[in-house]
Amino acid sequence: MANKNETLAEKLLSAQVAIDNAISNVEIKALLAVYGYDETRLAEGKALLDATNQLQQIQQKEYGDQYEATNALTAARTLANNDYMRFIKIARIALKNELAIAQKLDLNGNRKKSLSGWIAQANQFYLNALSDTTVLTKMAGYGITQEKLEAGKALIEDIELKNASQEKEKGEAQQATKDRDKSADDLFEWVADFIVIARIALEEKPQLLEILGIYAES
């Protein structure tokens, strides 16, 4: 039967074999009933098993959604950063004599590594660039039009939306894991008790224990 080194999927499969075969085998069911594991009690175990399997599927879906959201965010940031860094490099040339503007656009120094810092830095650049006619005029002289800057700003806005979506999916995945784990704990507690009683009820018929996936203790 299940041991501490088994994966959750393996433990669920072991539980399913024990519960389903206990319910479907008339001889086993009769022997278990003597020790209180009648149809009602076995149905309780089956209900725990079904609930845990369902929550496991939900948990897997939620983590899939989270990974998808993370991948979308990563791709969007790469795309936006390409434009942003190109604009920064050009702005440093176009505005090299405009020290106050360079400060306002945060042209000097390294770009932030964290997503929140990077977004704030990029927003500072786009918002101030688009509101300053000197910036727009001088950047246009290097082929960077207002429309291109507005498109770059839109990419940052899209990243903010994707980041919010990722955080939402992360929270849902974490909650799904908690729900699944709680249900699994309840199920495996039920199974542990069931195994003890099954060993007693079927002590004289080890072949019936094997039908439940329960083998001699080592």
N, C-alpha and C. Protein backbone atom coordinates (compact mmCIF):
# COMPACT_ATOMS: atom_id res chain seq x y z
N MET A 1 0.86 -1.19 0.00
CA MET A 1 0.00 0.00 0.00
C MET A 1 0.89 1.24 0.00
N ALA A 2 0.31 2.42 0.08
CA ALA A 2 1.04 3.67 -0.05
C ALA A 2 2.14 3.79 1.00
N ASN A 3 3.29 4.34 0.59
CA ASN A 3 4.35 4.65 1.53
C ASN A 3 4.77 6.10 1.34
N LYS A 4 5.64 6.58 2.23
CA LYS A 4 5.97 8.00 2.26
C LYS A 4 6.71 8.46 1.01
N ASN A 5 7.30 7.52 0.26
CA ASN A 5 8.05 7.90 -0.93
C ASN A 5 7.19 7.96 -2.20
N GLU A 6 5.94 7.57 -2.10
CA GLU A 6 5.07 7.59 -3.26
C GLU A 6 4.62 9.01 -3.58
N THR A 7 4.40 9.27 -4.85
CA THR A 7 3.87 10.57 -5.26
C THR A 7 2.39 10.64 -4.92
N LEU A 8 1.85 11.85 -5.02
CA LEU A 8 0.42 12.01 -4.74
C LEU A 8 -0.41 11.17 -5.70
N ALA A 9 -0.04 11.17 -6.97
CA ALA A 9 -0.79 10.40 -7.96
C ALA A 9 -0.78 8.91 -7.62
N GLU A 10 0.36 8.43 -7.16
CA GLU A 10 0.47 7.01 -6.79
C GLU A 10 -0.38 6.70 -5.55
N LYS A 11 -0.37 7.63 -4.61
CA LYS A 11 -1.18 7.43 -3.40
C LYS A 11 -2.67 7.44 -3.73
N LEU A 12 -3.06 8.33 -4.64
CA LEU A 12 -4.47 8.38 -5.04
C LEU A 12 -4.87 7.09 -5.75
N LEU A 13 -3.98 6.56 -6.57
CA LEU A 13 -4.27 5.32 -7.28
C LEU A 13 -4.39 4.17 -6.30
N SER A 14 -3.51 4.12 -5.31
CA SER A 14 -3.58 3.07 -4.29
C SER A 14 -4.88 3.16 -3.51
N ALA A 15 -5.27 4.39 -3.17
CA ALA A 15 -6.52 4.58 -2.45
C ALA A 15 -7.71 4.14 -3.29
N GLN A 16 -7.64 4.44 -4.58
CA GLN A 16 -8.75 4.07 -5.47
C GLN A 16 -8.87 2.55 -5.58
N VAL A 17 -7.74 1.86 -5.71
CA VAL A 17 -7.77 0.40 -5.78
C VAL A 17 -8.40 -0.19 -4.51
N ALA A 18 -7.97 0.30 -3.36
CA ALA A 18 -8.48 -0.22 -2.08
C ALA A 18 -9.96 0.03 -1.93
N ILE A 19 -10.38 1.26 -2.20
CA ILE A 19 -11.78 1.62 -1.96
C ILE A 19 -12.70 0.97 -2.99
N ASP A 20 -12.35 1.07 -4.26
CA ASP A 20 -13.21 0.52 -5.30
C ASP A 20 -13.35 -1.00 -5.18
N ASN A 21 -12.25 -1.67 -4.89
CA ASN A 21 -12.31 -3.13 -4.78
C ASN A 21 -13.02 -3.57 -3.51
N ALA A 22 -12.92 -2.78 -2.47
CA ALA A 22 -13.66 -3.10 -1.24
C ALA A 22 -15.16 -2.99 -1.48
N ILE A 23 -15.55 -2.02 -2.29
CA ILE A 23 -16.97 -1.82 -2.58
C ILE A 23 -17.51 -2.88 -3.54
N SER A 24 -16.68 -3.28 -4.51
CA SER A 24 -17.17 -4.17 -5.57
C SER A 24 -17.07 -5.66 -5.23
N ASN A 25 -16.22 -6.02 -4.25
CA ASN A 25 -16.04 -7.44 -3.92
C ASN A 25 -16.97 -7.82 -2.76
N VAL A 26 -17.90 -8.70 -3.05
CA VAL A 26 -18.93 -9.07 -2.06
C VAL A 26 -18.31 -9.68 -0.82
N GLU A 27 -17.34 -10.58 -0.99
CA GLU A 27 -16.73 -11.28 0.15
C GLU A 27 -15.97 -10.29 1.04
N ILE A 28 -15.20 -9.43 0.41
CA ILE A 28 -14.44 -8.45 1.17
C ILE A 28 -15.39 -7.52 1.92
N LYS A 29 -16.42 -7.08 1.23
CA LYS A 29 -17.37 -6.15 1.84
C LYS A 29 -18.04 -6.77 3.05
N ALA A 30 -18.37 -8.04 2.97
CA ALA A 30 -19.03 -8.72 4.09
C ALA A 30 -18.09 -8.82 5.30
N LEU A 31 -16.84 -9.14 5.06
CA LEU A 31 -15.87 -9.27 6.15
C LEU A 31 -15.56 -7.91 6.78
N LEU A 32 -15.51 -6.87 5.97
CA LEU A 32 -15.25 -5.52 6.50
C LEU A 32 -16.43 -5.02 7.33
N ALA A 33 -17.63 -5.39 6.91
CA ALA A 33 -18.83 -4.90 7.61
C ALA A 33 -18.85 -5.36 9.06
N VAL A 34 -18.26 -6.51 9.33
CA VAL A 34 -18.21 -7.02 10.70
C VAL A 34 -17.48 -6.05 11.61
N TYR A 35 -16.54 -5.32 11.05
CA TYR A 35 -15.72 -4.37 11.83
C TYR A 35 -16.13 -2.91 11.58
N GLY A 36 -17.36 -2.74 11.15
CA GLY A 36 -17.91 -1.39 11.03
C GLY A 36 -17.75 -0.71 9.69
N TYR A 37 -17.06 -1.35 8.76
CA TYR A 37 -16.90 -0.76 7.44
C TYR A 37 -17.97 -1.29 6.49
N ASP A 38 -19.19 -0.80 6.75
CA ASP A 38 -20.33 -1.19 5.92
C ASP A 38 -20.37 -0.30 4.68
N GLU A 39 -21.46 -0.44 3.92
CA GLU A 39 -21.56 0.32 2.67
C GLU A 39 -21.52 1.83 2.91
N THR A 40 -22.14 2.28 3.99
CA THR A 40 -22.17 3.71 4.29
C THR A 40 -20.76 4.23 4.55
N ARG A 41 -19.99 3.48 5.32
CA ARG A 41 -18.64 3.91 5.66
C ARG A 41 -17.72 3.86 4.45
N LEU A 42 -17.88 2.83 3.64
CA LEU A 42 -17.08 2.74 2.41
C LEU A 42 -17.45 3.87 1.45
N ALA A 43 -18.72 4.25 1.44
CA ALA A 43 -19.16 5.36 0.58
C ALA A 43 -18.52 6.67 1.02
N GLU A 44 -18.28 6.80 2.32
CA GLU A 44 -17.59 7.99 2.82
C GLU A 44 -16.18 8.08 2.24
N GLY A 45 -15.49 6.94 2.23
CA GLY A 45 -14.16 6.90 1.65
C GLY A 45 -14.18 7.21 0.17
N LYS A 46 -15.18 6.66 -0.52
CA LYS A 46 -15.31 6.90 -1.96
C LYS A 46 -15.55 8.38 -2.24
N ALA A 47 -16.37 9.01 -1.40
CA ALA A 47 -16.66 10.44 -1.57
C ALA A 47 -15.40 11.27 -1.37
N LEU A 48 -14.58 10.91 -0.38
CA LEU A 48 -13.31 11.61 -0.15
C LEU A 48 -12.37 11.43 -1.34
N LEU A 49 -12.35 10.21 -1.87
CA LEU A 49 -11.50 9.93 -3.03
C LEU A 49 -11.93 10.75 -4.24
N ASP A 50 -13.23 10.76 -4.52
CA ASP A 50 -13.73 11.50 -5.68
C ASP A 50 -13.47 13.00 -5.54
N ALA A 51 -13.66 13.52 -4.33
CA ALA A 51 -13.44 14.94 -4.09
C ALA A 51 -11.97 15.30 -4.30
N THR A 52 -11.08 14.45 -3.79
CA THR A 52 -9.65 14.72 -3.92
C THR A 52 -9.21 14.65 -5.38
N ASN A 53 -9.71 13.66 -6.11
CA ASN A 53 -9.38 13.55 -7.54
C ASN A 53 -9.84 14.79 -8.30
N GLN A 54 -11.04 15.26 -7.97
CA GLN A 54 -11.57 16.45 -8.65
C GLN A 54 -10.72 17.68 -8.32
N LEU A 55 -10.35 17.82 -7.05
CA LEU A 55 -9.53 18.97 -6.64
C LEU A 55 -8.13 18.88 -7.24
N GLN A 56 -7.64 17.66 -7.43
CA GLN A 56 -6.34 17.48 -8.08
C GLN A 56 -6.40 17.98 -9.52
N GLN A 57 -7.48 17.67 -10.21
CA GLN A 57 -7.64 18.13 -11.59
C GLN A 57 -7.74 19.66 -11.65
N ILE A 58 -8.47 20.23 -10.70
CA ILE A 58 -8.59 21.69 -10.64
C ILE A 58 -7.23 22.32 -10.37
N GLN A 59 -6.48 21.73 -9.44
CA GLN A 59 -5.16 22.27 -9.10
C GLN A 59 -4.23 22.23 -10.31
N GLN A 60 -4.27 21.15 -11.05
CA GLN A 60 -3.42 21.04 -12.24
C GLN A 60 -3.81 22.09 -13.29
N LYS A 61 -5.11 22.31 -13.45
CA LYS A 61 -5.58 23.32 -14.40
C LYS A 61 -5.12 24.72 -13.98
N GLU A 62 -5.27 25.02 -12.69
CA GLU A 62 -4.90 26.35 -12.20
C GLU A 62 -3.41 26.61 -12.38
N TYR A 63 -2.59 25.61 -12.14
CA TYR A 63 -1.15 25.80 -12.35
C TYR A 63 -0.83 25.92 -13.83
N GLY A 64 -1.57 25.22 -14.67
CA GLY A 64 -1.39 25.38 -16.11
C GLY A 64 -1.72 26.80 -16.54
N ASP A 65 -2.81 27.34 -15.97
CA ASP A 65 -3.19 28.73 -16.27
C ASP A 65 -2.12 29.70 -15.79
N GLN A 66 -1.54 29.40 -14.62
CA GLN A 66 -0.49 30.28 -14.09
C GLN A 66 0.74 30.27 -14.99
N TYR A 67 1.16 29.09 -15.41
CA TYR A 67 2.33 29.00 -16.29
C TYR A 67 2.07 29.73 -17.61
N GLU A 68 0.86 29.60 -18.12
CA GLU A 68 0.51 30.28 -19.37
C GLU A 68 0.57 31.79 -19.19
N ALA A 69 0.07 32.28 -18.06
CA ALA A 69 0.10 33.72 -17.79
C ALA A 69 1.53 34.21 -17.62
N THR A 70 2.37 33.39 -16.97
CA THR A 70 3.77 33.76 -16.77
C THR A 70 4.50 33.83 -18.10
N ASN A 71 4.26 32.86 -18.97
CA ASN A 71 4.89 32.86 -20.28
C ASN A 71 4.46 34.06 -21.11
N ALA A 72 3.18 34.41 -21.02
CA ALA A 72 2.67 35.57 -21.77
C ALA A 72 3.32 36.85 -21.26
N LEU A 73 3.48 36.96 -19.95
CA LEU A 73 4.12 38.14 -19.36
C LEU A 73 5.58 38.23 -19.77
N THR A 74 6.28 37.12 -19.73
CA THR A 74 7.69 37.11 -20.11
C THR A 74 7.88 37.53 -21.56
N ALA A 75 7.04 36.99 -22.44
CA ALA A 75 7.14 37.34 -23.86
C ALA A 75 6.83 38.82 -24.09
N ALA A 76 5.83 39.32 -23.38
CA ALA A 76 5.44 40.73 -23.53
C ALA A 76 6.55 41.65 -23.03
N ARG A 77 7.18 41.27 -21.93
CA ARG A 77 8.26 42.11 -21.39
C ARG A 77 9.45 42.14 -22.35
N THR A 78 9.77 41.01 -22.94
CA THR A 78 10.88 40.96 -23.90
C THR A 78 10.61 41.88 -25.08
N LEU A 79 9.39 41.81 -25.60
CA LEU A 79 9.00 42.64 -26.74
C LEU A 79 9.07 44.12 -26.38
N ALA A 80 8.49 44.47 -25.23
CA ALA A 80 8.45 45.88 -24.81
C ALA A 80 9.84 46.41 -24.50
N ASN A 81 10.66 45.56 -23.90
CA ASN A 81 12.01 46.00 -23.53
C ASN A 81 12.87 46.29 -24.75
N ASN A 82 12.65 45.55 -25.83
CA ASN A 82 13.40 45.81 -27.06
C ASN A 82 13.16 47.23 -27.55
N ASP A 83 11.90 47.63 -27.60
CA ASP A 83 11.58 49.00 -28.02
C ASP A 83 12.08 50.02 -27.01
N TYR A 84 11.82 49.75 -25.75
CA TYR A 84 12.19 50.69 -24.68
C TYR A 84 13.69 50.97 -24.68
N MET A 85 14.51 49.93 -24.78
CA MET A 85 15.96 50.12 -24.75
C MET A 85 16.46 50.82 -26.01
N ARG A 86 15.81 50.54 -27.13
CA ARG A 86 16.19 51.26 -28.36
C ARG A 86 15.89 52.74 -28.22
N PHE A 87 14.73 53.07 -27.64
CA PHE A 87 14.37 54.47 -27.43
C PHE A 87 15.31 55.15 -26.43
N ILE A 88 15.67 54.43 -25.39
CA ILE A 88 16.59 54.99 -24.39
C ILE A 88 17.93 55.34 -25.04
N LYS A 89 18.47 54.43 -25.81
CA LYS A 89 19.77 54.66 -26.46
C LYS A 89 19.73 55.85 -27.41
N ILE A 90 18.63 55.95 -28.15
CA ILE A 90 18.50 57.06 -29.09
C ILE A 90 18.30 58.37 -28.33
N ALA A 91 17.51 58.31 -27.26
CA ALA A 91 17.26 59.52 -26.46
C ALA A 91 18.55 60.05 -25.85
N ARG A 92 19.43 59.17 -25.45
CA ARG A 92 20.70 59.60 -24.87
C ARG A 92 21.53 60.41 -25.88
N ILE A 93 21.39 60.07 -27.15
CA ILE A 93 22.09 60.83 -28.20
C ILE A 93 21.31 62.11 -28.52
N ALA A 94 20.00 61.95 -28.75
CA ALA A 94 19.19 63.10 -29.17
C ALA A 94 19.12 64.18 -28.11
N LEU A 95 19.20 63.80 -26.85
CA LEU A 95 19.01 64.75 -25.74
C LEU A 95 20.27 64.88 -24.88
N LYS A 96 21.43 64.62 -25.47
CA LYS A 96 22.66 64.62 -24.68
C LYS A 96 23.01 65.96 -24.08
N ASN A 97 22.48 67.04 -24.64
CA ASN A 97 22.74 68.37 -24.10
C ASN A 97 21.59 68.89 -23.23
N GLU A 98 20.58 68.04 -23.02
CA GLU A 98 19.40 68.43 -22.24
C GLU A 98 19.44 67.69 -20.90
N LEU A 99 20.26 68.19 -19.98
CA LEU A 99 20.49 67.48 -18.72
C LEU A 99 19.22 67.36 -17.88
N ALA A 100 18.43 68.42 -17.85
CA ALA A 100 17.20 68.39 -17.06
C ALA A 100 16.21 67.37 -17.62
N ILE A 101 16.11 67.34 -18.94
CA ILE A 101 15.21 66.38 -19.58
C ILE A 101 15.72 64.96 -19.38
N ALA A 102 17.03 64.77 -19.48
CA ALA A 102 17.60 63.45 -19.27
C ALA A 102 17.26 62.93 -17.87
N GLN A 103 17.29 63.83 -16.91
CA GLN A 103 16.94 63.46 -15.54
C GLN A 103 15.45 63.10 -15.45
N LYS A 104 14.64 63.91 -16.12
CA LYS A 104 13.19 63.68 -16.09
C LYS A 104 12.82 62.34 -16.74
N LEU A 105 13.57 61.96 -17.77
CA LEU A 105 13.28 60.71 -18.46
C LEU A 105 14.03 59.52 -17.85
N ASP A 106 14.88 59.80 -16.87
CA ASP A 106 15.70 58.76 -16.24
C ASP A 106 16.53 58.02 -17.28
N LEU A 107 17.25 58.79 -18.08
CA LEU A 107 18.04 58.20 -19.16
C LEU A 107 19.34 57.57 -18.68
N ASN A 108 19.89 58.09 -17.60
CA ASN A 108 21.19 57.63 -17.14
C ASN A 108 21.06 56.51 -16.11
N GLY A 109 22.13 55.76 -15.97
CA GLY A 109 22.10 54.67 -15.00
C GLY A 109 21.53 53.40 -15.56
N ASN A 110 21.54 52.36 -14.74
CA ASN A 110 21.07 51.05 -15.16
C ASN A 110 19.56 50.95 -15.14
N ARG A 111 19.04 50.06 -15.94
CA ARG A 111 17.60 49.78 -15.91
C ARG A 111 17.31 48.85 -14.72
N LYS A 112 16.17 49.02 -14.12
CA LYS A 112 15.77 48.21 -12.97
C LYS A 112 15.59 46.75 -13.38
N LYS A 113 15.96 45.85 -12.49
CA LYS A 113 15.83 44.41 -12.76
C LYS A 113 14.45 43.88 -12.38
N SER A 114 13.92 44.35 -11.27
CA SER A 114 12.60 43.86 -10.84
C SER A 114 11.53 44.33 -11.81
N LEU A 115 10.47 43.55 -11.93
CA LEU A 115 9.40 43.93 -12.85
C LEU A 115 8.76 45.24 -12.44
N SER A 116 8.47 45.40 -11.15
CA SER A 116 7.82 46.64 -10.69
C SER A 116 8.71 47.85 -10.93
N GLY A 117 10.01 47.70 -10.66
CA GLY A 117 10.94 48.81 -10.88
C GLY A 117 11.09 49.14 -12.35
N TRP A 118 11.15 48.09 -13.16
CA TRP A 118 11.28 48.28 -14.61
C TRP A 118 10.05 48.98 -15.19
N ILE A 119 8.86 48.56 -14.76
CA ILE A 119 7.63 49.20 -15.22
C ILE A 119 7.59 50.67 -14.83
N ALA A 120 7.96 50.97 -13.58
CA ALA A 120 7.96 52.36 -13.12
C ALA A 120 8.94 53.20 -13.93
N GLN A 121 10.10 52.66 -14.21
CA GLN A 121 11.13 53.37 -14.97
C GLN A 121 10.67 53.61 -16.41
N ALA A 122 10.07 52.59 -17.01
CA ALA A 122 9.59 52.72 -18.38
C ALA A 122 8.44 53.72 -18.46
N ASN A 123 7.53 53.67 -17.50
CA ASN A 123 6.42 54.63 -17.48
C ASN A 123 6.92 56.06 -17.33
N GLN A 124 7.93 56.22 -16.49
CA GLN A 124 8.51 57.56 -16.31
C GLN A 124 9.04 58.09 -17.64
N PHE A 125 9.71 57.23 -18.38
CA PHE A 125 10.25 57.63 -19.68
C PHE A 125 9.14 58.00 -20.66
N TYR A 126 8.18 57.12 -20.84
CA TYR A 126 7.15 57.35 -21.85
C TYR A 126 6.25 58.54 -21.50
N LEU A 127 5.81 58.60 -20.27
CA LEU A 127 4.89 59.68 -19.88
C LEU A 127 5.55 61.05 -20.03
N ASN A 128 6.79 61.17 -19.60
CA ASN A 128 7.48 62.45 -19.70
C ASN A 128 7.91 62.76 -21.13
N ALA A 129 8.28 61.74 -21.88
CA ALA A 129 8.67 61.96 -23.27
C ALA A 129 7.48 62.45 -24.09
N LEU A 130 6.34 61.84 -23.90
CA LEU A 130 5.16 62.18 -24.69
C LEU A 130 4.55 63.53 -24.30
N SER A 131 4.90 64.03 -23.15
CA SER A 131 4.35 65.33 -22.71
C SER A 131 5.32 66.48 -22.93
N ASP A 132 6.46 66.21 -23.56
CA ASP A 132 7.49 67.25 -23.74
C ASP A 132 7.75 67.45 -25.24
N THR A 133 7.43 68.63 -25.72
CA THR A 133 7.59 68.91 -27.16
C THR A 133 9.05 68.87 -27.59
N THR A 134 9.96 69.26 -26.69
CA THR A 134 11.38 69.21 -27.04
C THR A 134 11.82 67.77 -27.29
N VAL A 135 11.38 66.89 -26.42
CA VAL A 135 11.71 65.48 -26.59
C VAL A 135 11.13 64.94 -27.89
N LEU A 136 9.88 65.24 -28.13
CA LEU A 136 9.23 64.73 -29.34
C LEU A 136 9.93 65.24 -30.60
N THR A 137 10.31 66.50 -30.60
CA THR A 137 10.97 67.08 -31.77
C THR A 137 12.34 66.45 -32.00
N LYS A 138 13.13 66.35 -30.94
CA LYS A 138 14.48 65.83 -31.10
C LYS A 138 14.50 64.33 -31.37
N MET A 139 13.57 63.61 -30.78
CA MET A 139 13.50 62.18 -31.05
C MET A 139 13.06 61.92 -32.48
N ALA A 140 12.15 62.76 -32.98
CA ALA A 140 11.67 62.62 -34.36
C ALA A 140 12.82 62.78 -35.35
N GLY A 141 13.81 63.56 -34.97
CA GLY A 141 14.98 63.74 -35.84
C GLY A 141 15.79 62.46 -35.99
N TYR A 142 15.54 61.48 -35.15
CA TYR A 142 16.22 60.18 -35.25
C TYR A 142 15.24 59.06 -35.60
N GLY A 143 14.09 59.46 -36.16
CA GLY A 143 13.12 58.48 -36.65
C GLY A 143 12.17 57.93 -35.60
N ILE A 144 12.23 58.47 -34.38
CA ILE A 144 11.34 58.00 -33.32
C ILE A 144 10.18 58.98 -33.19
N THR A 145 9.08 58.65 -33.81
CA THR A 145 7.93 59.54 -33.85
C THR A 145 7.09 59.42 -32.58
N GLN A 146 6.15 60.34 -32.43
CA GLN A 146 5.23 60.29 -31.29
C GLN A 146 4.43 58.99 -31.32
N GLU A 147 4.05 58.57 -32.52
CA GLU A 147 3.27 57.33 -32.65
C GLU A 147 4.05 56.12 -32.16
N LYS A 148 5.35 56.10 -32.45
CA LYS A 148 6.17 54.98 -31.99
C LYS A 148 6.30 54.98 -30.46
N LEU A 149 6.43 56.18 -29.90
CA LEU A 149 6.50 56.27 -28.44
C LEU A 149 5.17 55.87 -27.80
N GLU A 150 4.07 56.25 -28.41
CA GLU A 150 2.76 55.86 -27.89
C GLU A 150 2.57 54.34 -27.97
N ALA A 151 3.08 53.75 -29.04
CA ALA A 151 3.00 52.29 -29.18
C ALA A 151 3.84 51.61 -28.10
N GLY A 152 5.00 52.19 -27.81
CA GLY A 152 5.85 51.64 -26.75
C GLY A 152 5.17 51.74 -25.40
N LYS A 153 4.52 52.85 -25.15
CA LYS A 153 3.79 53.04 -23.89
C LYS A 153 2.65 52.02 -23.77
N ALA A 154 1.99 51.75 -24.88
CA ALA A 154 0.90 50.77 -24.88
C ALA A 154 1.41 49.37 -24.52
N LEU A 155 2.64 49.06 -24.93
CA LEU A 155 3.21 47.76 -24.58
C LEU A 155 3.43 47.65 -23.07
N ILE A 156 3.81 48.75 -22.44
CA ILE A 156 3.98 48.75 -20.98
C ILE A 156 2.64 48.56 -20.29
N GLU A 157 1.61 49.21 -20.80
CA GLU A 157 0.26 49.06 -20.23
C GLU A 157 -0.21 47.61 -20.35
N ASP A 158 0.14 46.98 -21.48
CA ASP A 158 -0.23 45.58 -21.68
C ASP A 158 0.48 44.69 -20.67
N ILE A 159 1.73 45.01 -20.36
CA ILE A 159 2.48 44.24 -19.37
C ILE A 159 1.84 44.37 -17.99
N GLU A 160 1.38 45.56 -17.66
CA GLU A 160 0.72 45.76 -16.36
C GLU A 160 -0.52 44.89 -16.26
N LEU A 161 -1.26 44.78 -17.35
CA LEU A 161 -2.45 43.92 -17.36
C LEU A 161 -2.06 42.45 -17.23
N LYS A 162 -1.03 42.05 -17.97
CA LYS A 162 -0.58 40.66 -17.91
C LYS A 162 0.00 40.31 -16.55
N ASN A 163 0.65 41.27 -15.91
CA ASN A 163 1.18 41.03 -14.57
C ASN A 163 0.03 40.83 -13.58
N ALA A 164 -1.01 41.64 -13.70
CA ALA A 164 -2.18 41.49 -12.83
C ALA A 164 -2.83 40.12 -13.04
N SER A 165 -2.89 39.70 -14.30
CA SER A 165 -3.47 38.39 -14.62
C SER A 165 -2.62 37.28 -14.03
N GLN A 166 -1.31 37.41 -14.12
CA GLN A 166 -0.42 36.40 -13.56
C GLN A 166 -0.59 36.30 -12.04
N GLU A 167 -0.68 37.43 -11.37
CA GLU A 167 -0.85 37.42 -9.92
C GLU A 167 -2.17 36.77 -9.52
N LYS A 168 -3.21 37.03 -10.32
CA LYS A 168 -4.51 36.41 -10.07
C LYS A 168 -4.41 34.89 -10.21
N GLU A 169 -3.78 34.45 -11.31
CA GLU A 169 -3.65 33.01 -11.54
C GLU A 169 -2.78 32.37 -10.47
N LYS A 170 -1.74 33.07 -10.00
CA LYS A 170 -0.88 32.55 -8.95
C LYS A 170 -1.67 32.33 -7.67
N GLY A 171 -2.50 33.30 -7.32
CA GLY A 171 -3.32 33.18 -6.12
C GLY A 171 -4.30 32.03 -6.22
N GLU A 172 -4.92 31.87 -7.40
CA GLU A 172 -5.88 30.79 -7.58
C GLU A 172 -5.19 29.43 -7.53
N ALA A 173 -3.97 29.35 -8.08
CA ALA A 173 -3.23 28.09 -8.06
C ALA A 173 -2.84 27.72 -6.63
N GLN A 174 -2.43 28.71 -5.86
CA GLN A 174 -2.06 28.44 -4.47
C GLN A 174 -3.26 28.00 -3.65
N GLN A 175 -4.41 28.63 -3.87
CA GLN A 175 -5.61 28.23 -3.15
C GLN A 175 -6.06 26.84 -3.55
N ALA A 176 -5.94 26.53 -4.85
CA ALA A 176 -6.31 25.20 -5.33
C ALA A 176 -5.42 24.13 -4.70
N THR A 177 -4.16 24.47 -4.50
CA THR A 177 -3.24 23.52 -3.87
C THR A 177 -3.62 23.29 -2.41
N LYS A 178 -3.97 24.35 -1.71
CA LYS A 178 -4.40 24.22 -0.31
C LYS A 178 -5.65 23.36 -0.21
N ASP A 179 -6.61 23.61 -1.10
CA ASP A 179 -7.86 22.84 -1.09
C ASP A 179 -7.58 21.37 -1.37
N ARG A 180 -6.74 21.11 -2.38
CA ARG A 180 -6.40 19.74 -2.74
C ARG A 180 -5.69 19.03 -1.60
N ASP A 181 -4.73 19.72 -0.99
CA ASP A 181 -3.95 19.11 0.08
C ASP A 181 -4.81 18.78 1.30
N LYS A 182 -5.75 19.68 1.62
CA LYS A 182 -6.65 19.42 2.75
C LYS A 182 -7.50 18.19 2.48
N SER A 183 -8.05 18.10 1.28
CA SER A 183 -8.87 16.95 0.92
C SER A 183 -8.04 15.67 0.92
N ALA A 184 -6.81 15.75 0.41
CA ALA A 184 -5.93 14.58 0.37
C ALA A 184 -5.58 14.11 1.78
N ASP A 185 -5.34 15.06 2.68
CA ASP A 185 -5.04 14.69 4.07
C ASP A 185 -6.20 13.93 4.69
N ASP A 186 -7.42 14.41 4.44
CA ASP A 186 -8.61 13.74 4.97
C ASP A 186 -8.75 12.34 4.38
N LEU A 187 -8.51 12.24 3.08
CA LEU A 187 -8.62 10.94 2.41
C LEU A 187 -7.59 9.95 2.95
N PHE A 188 -6.34 10.38 3.04
CA PHE A 188 -5.28 9.46 3.45
C PHE A 188 -5.40 9.07 4.92
N GLU A 189 -5.98 9.95 5.72
CA GLU A 189 -6.26 9.58 7.11
C GLU A 189 -7.31 8.47 7.14
N TRP A 190 -8.34 8.62 6.30
CA TRP A 190 -9.38 7.59 6.21
C TRP A 190 -8.77 6.28 5.73
N VAL A 191 -7.92 6.35 4.72
CA VAL A 191 -7.30 5.14 4.16
C VAL A 191 -6.41 4.46 5.19
N ALA A 192 -5.65 5.25 5.96
CA ALA A 192 -4.76 4.66 6.97
C ALA A 192 -5.56 3.85 7.99
N ASP A 193 -6.69 4.40 8.43
CA ASP A 193 -7.55 3.66 9.36
C ASP A 193 -8.13 2.42 8.69
N PHE A 194 -8.54 2.59 7.45
CA PHE A 194 -9.12 1.48 6.69
C PHE A 194 -8.14 0.31 6.57
N ILE A 195 -6.88 0.62 6.31
CA ILE A 195 -5.87 -0.43 6.15
C ILE A 195 -5.72 -1.24 7.43
N VAL A 196 -5.71 -0.56 8.55
CA VAL A 196 -5.58 -1.26 9.83
C VAL A 196 -6.74 -2.23 10.03
N ILE A 197 -7.95 -1.74 9.76
CA ILE A 197 -9.13 -2.60 9.94
C ILE A 197 -9.16 -3.72 8.90
N ALA A 198 -8.76 -3.41 7.67
CA ALA A 198 -8.75 -4.43 6.62
C ALA A 198 -7.78 -5.55 6.97
N ARG A 199 -6.63 -5.22 7.52
CA ARG A 199 -5.67 -6.25 7.92
C ARG A 199 -6.26 -7.19 8.99
N ILE A 200 -7.05 -6.59 9.87
CA ILE A 200 -7.69 -7.40 10.91
C ILE A 200 -8.81 -8.24 10.31
N ALA A 201 -9.67 -7.61 9.52
CA ALA A 201 -10.85 -8.30 8.97
C ALA A 201 -10.46 -9.40 7.99
N LEU A 202 -9.37 -9.19 7.26
CA LEU A 202 -8.99 -10.15 6.21
C LEU A 202 -7.71 -10.90 6.57
N GLU A 203 -7.40 -10.96 7.85
CA GLU A 203 -6.15 -11.56 8.31
C GLU A 203 -5.99 -13.00 7.84
N GLU A 204 -7.08 -13.73 7.81
CA GLU A 204 -7.01 -15.13 7.42
C GLU A 204 -7.08 -15.33 5.91
N LYS A 205 -7.27 -14.25 5.18
CA LYS A 205 -7.37 -14.36 3.72
C LYS A 205 -6.49 -13.30 3.05
N PRO A 206 -5.18 -13.52 3.06
CA PRO A 206 -4.25 -12.54 2.51
C PRO A 206 -4.48 -12.25 1.03
N GLN A 207 -5.07 -13.24 0.31
CA GLN A 207 -5.34 -13.00 -1.11
C GLN A 207 -6.37 -11.89 -1.30
N LEU A 208 -7.28 -11.76 -0.31
CA LEU A 208 -8.26 -10.67 -0.39
C LEU A 208 -7.60 -9.32 -0.09
N LEU A 209 -6.62 -9.33 0.81
CA LEU A 209 -5.87 -8.09 1.08
C LEU A 209 -5.15 -7.62 -0.18
N GLU A 210 -4.62 -8.60 -0.92
CA GLU A 210 -3.90 -8.24 -2.15
C GLU A 210 -4.84 -7.61 -3.18
N ILE A 211 -6.09 -8.04 -3.16
CA ILE A 211 -7.07 -7.42 -4.07
C ILE A 211 -7.22 -5.94 -3.75
N LEU A 212 -7.04 -5.58 -2.48
CA LEU A 212 -7.13 -4.18 -2.05
C LEU A 212 -5.82 -3.45 -2.24
N GLY A 213 -4.78 -4.15 -2.71
CA GLY A 213 -3.48 -3.53 -2.86
C GLY A 213 -2.74 -3.44 -1.56
N ILE A 214 -3.15 -4.26 -0.57
CA ILE A 214 -2.50 -4.26 0.75
C ILE A 214 -1.68 -5.54 0.88
N TYR A 215 -0.40 -5.35 1.15
CA TYR A 215 0.49 -6.51 1.21
C TYR A 215 1.08 -6.64 2.61
N ALA A 216 1.73 -7.77 2.85
CA ALA A 216 2.29 -8.04 4.17
C ALA A 216 3.27 -6.92 4.55
N GLU A 217 3.22 -6.54 5.82
CA GLU A 217 4.10 -5.49 6.31
C GLU A 217 5.52 -6.02 6.39
N SER A 218 6.47 -5.17 5.96
CA SER A 218 7.88 -5.59 5.98
C SER A 218 8.49 -5.25 7.33
